Amino acid sequence: MPADQYGWIRQDYPKSPPTSMFIKFLDGGDRREGRYFALSCDFAGGCSARACHDSLTTWISIYSSNKIQGEDYSVKDFDQQIASGIKVLEHMLLGKPVDLSHP
């Protein structure tokens, strides 16, 4: 599937309750070998990214839209929101690096 102008690929799951998955590949090479961010978004606009590395599971939750009001997800803000969430997690973990990407 092609990425949008912000580099994110969207897959909608319209069953009840409807959800959407967003994936952004971080490497320019082969997608089968590359790293990526994955966001799962619910019908109300809440999104989360989670990953497990070195026996530590980390995740962030962001509020991406007001779906009840008919707004779509704010895809253009995903990168900044993920970066901000990583900074908060690293602060909480006393400077331990956090990686929310998947291999």
Protein backbone atom coordinates (compact mmCIF):
# COMPACT_ATOMS: atom_id res chain seq x y z
CA MET A 1 0.00 0.00 0.00
CA PRO A 2 1.28 3.50 -0.72
CA ALA A 3 2.05 5.95 2.05
CA ASP A 4 0.32 9.31 2.40
CA GLN A 5 2.12 12.66 2.19
CA TYR A 6 3.37 12.23 5.78
CA GLY A 7 4.74 8.72 5.20
CA TRP A 8 1.94 6.83 6.97
CA ILE A 9 0.02 3.88 5.54
CA ARG A 10 -3.56 3.54 6.74
CA GLN A 11 -5.66 0.38 7.03
CA ASP A 12 -9.27 0.79 8.17
CA TYR A 13 -11.25 -1.96 9.87
CA PRO A 14 -14.90 -0.90 9.57
CA LYS A 15 -16.41 -3.65 11.72
CA SER A 16 -17.98 -2.68 15.03
CA PRO A 17 -16.33 -0.87 16.67
CA PRO A 18 -14.43 0.62 13.74
CA THR A 19 -10.67 1.00 14.14
CA SER A 20 -7.73 2.11 12.01
CA MET A 21 -4.10 1.02 11.93
CA PHE A 22 -1.32 3.30 10.77
CA ILE A 23 2.20 2.14 9.88
CA LYS A 24 5.22 4.27 9.02
CA PHE A 25 8.37 2.62 7.75
CA LEU A 26 11.50 4.27 9.12
CA ASP A 27 14.00 2.82 6.63
CA GLY A 28 14.11 3.53 2.93
CA GLY A 29 14.99 -0.06 2.04
CA ASP A 30 13.12 -3.34 1.93
CA ARG A 31 9.94 -3.16 4.03
CA ARG A 32 10.29 -6.81 5.04
CA GLU A 33 13.58 -5.98 6.76
CA GLY A 34 12.87 -2.41 7.87
CA ARG A 35 11.80 -0.88 11.14
CA TYR A 36 8.43 0.80 11.51
CA PHE A 37 6.09 2.58 13.88
CA ALA A 38 2.60 1.13 14.31
CA LEU A 39 -0.34 3.08 15.71
CA SER A 40 -3.70 1.56 16.54
CA CYS A 41 -6.54 4.07 16.64
CA ASP A 42 -10.03 3.54 18.01
CA PHE A 43 -13.40 4.85 16.85
CA ALA A 44 -13.26 7.86 19.21
CA GLY A 45 -9.82 9.13 18.09
CA GLY A 46 -7.58 7.59 20.75
CA CYS A 47 -4.38 6.06 19.36
CA SER A 48 -1.62 4.03 20.95
CA ALA A 49 1.82 2.81 19.97
CA ARG A 50 3.52 0.02 21.88
CA ALA A 51 6.67 -2.04 21.57
CA CYS A 52 8.61 -4.56 23.60
CA HIS A 53 12.43 -4.47 23.67
CA ASP A 54 14.87 -5.98 26.16
CA SER A 55 12.11 -7.27 28.48
CA LEU A 56 10.53 -3.81 28.68
CA THR A 57 7.15 -3.07 27.13
CA THR A 58 6.51 0.62 26.53
CA TRP A 59 3.56 2.43 25.05
CA ILE A 60 2.14 5.85 24.54
CA SER A 61 -1.43 6.92 24.08
CA ILE A 62 -2.37 10.01 22.11
CA TYR A 63 -5.65 11.63 21.33
CA SER A 64 -5.65 12.26 17.61
CA SER A 65 -9.08 13.63 16.77
CA ASN A 66 -12.59 14.25 17.89
CA LYS A 67 -14.17 11.43 15.90
CA ILE A 68 -17.51 12.03 17.60
CA GLN A 69 -17.56 15.47 15.95
CA GLY A 70 -16.66 13.90 12.59
CA GLU A 71 -12.98 14.89 12.47
CA ASP A 72 -10.51 12.46 10.93
CA TYR A 73 -7.26 11.42 12.61
CA SER A 74 -4.55 14.07 12.70
CA VAL A 75 -1.96 12.02 10.79
CA LYS A 76 0.30 15.03 10.20
CA ASP A 77 0.89 15.24 13.97
CA PHE A 78 1.73 11.56 14.58
CA ASP A 79 5.52 11.95 14.27
CA GLN A 80 5.65 14.86 16.72
CA GLN A 81 3.29 13.09 19.15
CA ILE A 82 5.39 9.91 19.09
CA ALA A 83 8.61 11.89 19.63
CA SER A 84 7.01 13.74 22.54
CA GLY A 85 5.77 10.49 24.08
CA ILE A 86 9.24 8.94 23.80
CA LYS A 87 10.76 11.95 25.60
CA VAL A 88 8.26 11.57 28.45
CA LEU A 89 8.93 7.82 28.74
CA GLU A 90 12.70 8.37 28.76
CA HIS A 91 12.30 10.98 31.50
CA MET A 92 10.17 8.58 33.55
CA LEU A 93 12.71 5.79 33.05
CA LEU A 94 15.58 8.07 34.17
CA GLY A 95 17.18 8.48 30.77
CA LYS A 96 16.86 4.87 29.60
CA PRO A 97 16.42 4.91 25.79
CA VAL A 98 12.94 4.03 24.56
CA ASP A 99 12.29 2.50 21.15
CA LEU A 100 8.68 2.30 19.98
CA SER A 101 9.61 0.93 16.57
CA HIS A 102 9.19 -2.68 15.46
CA PRO A 103 11.65 -4.78 13.46
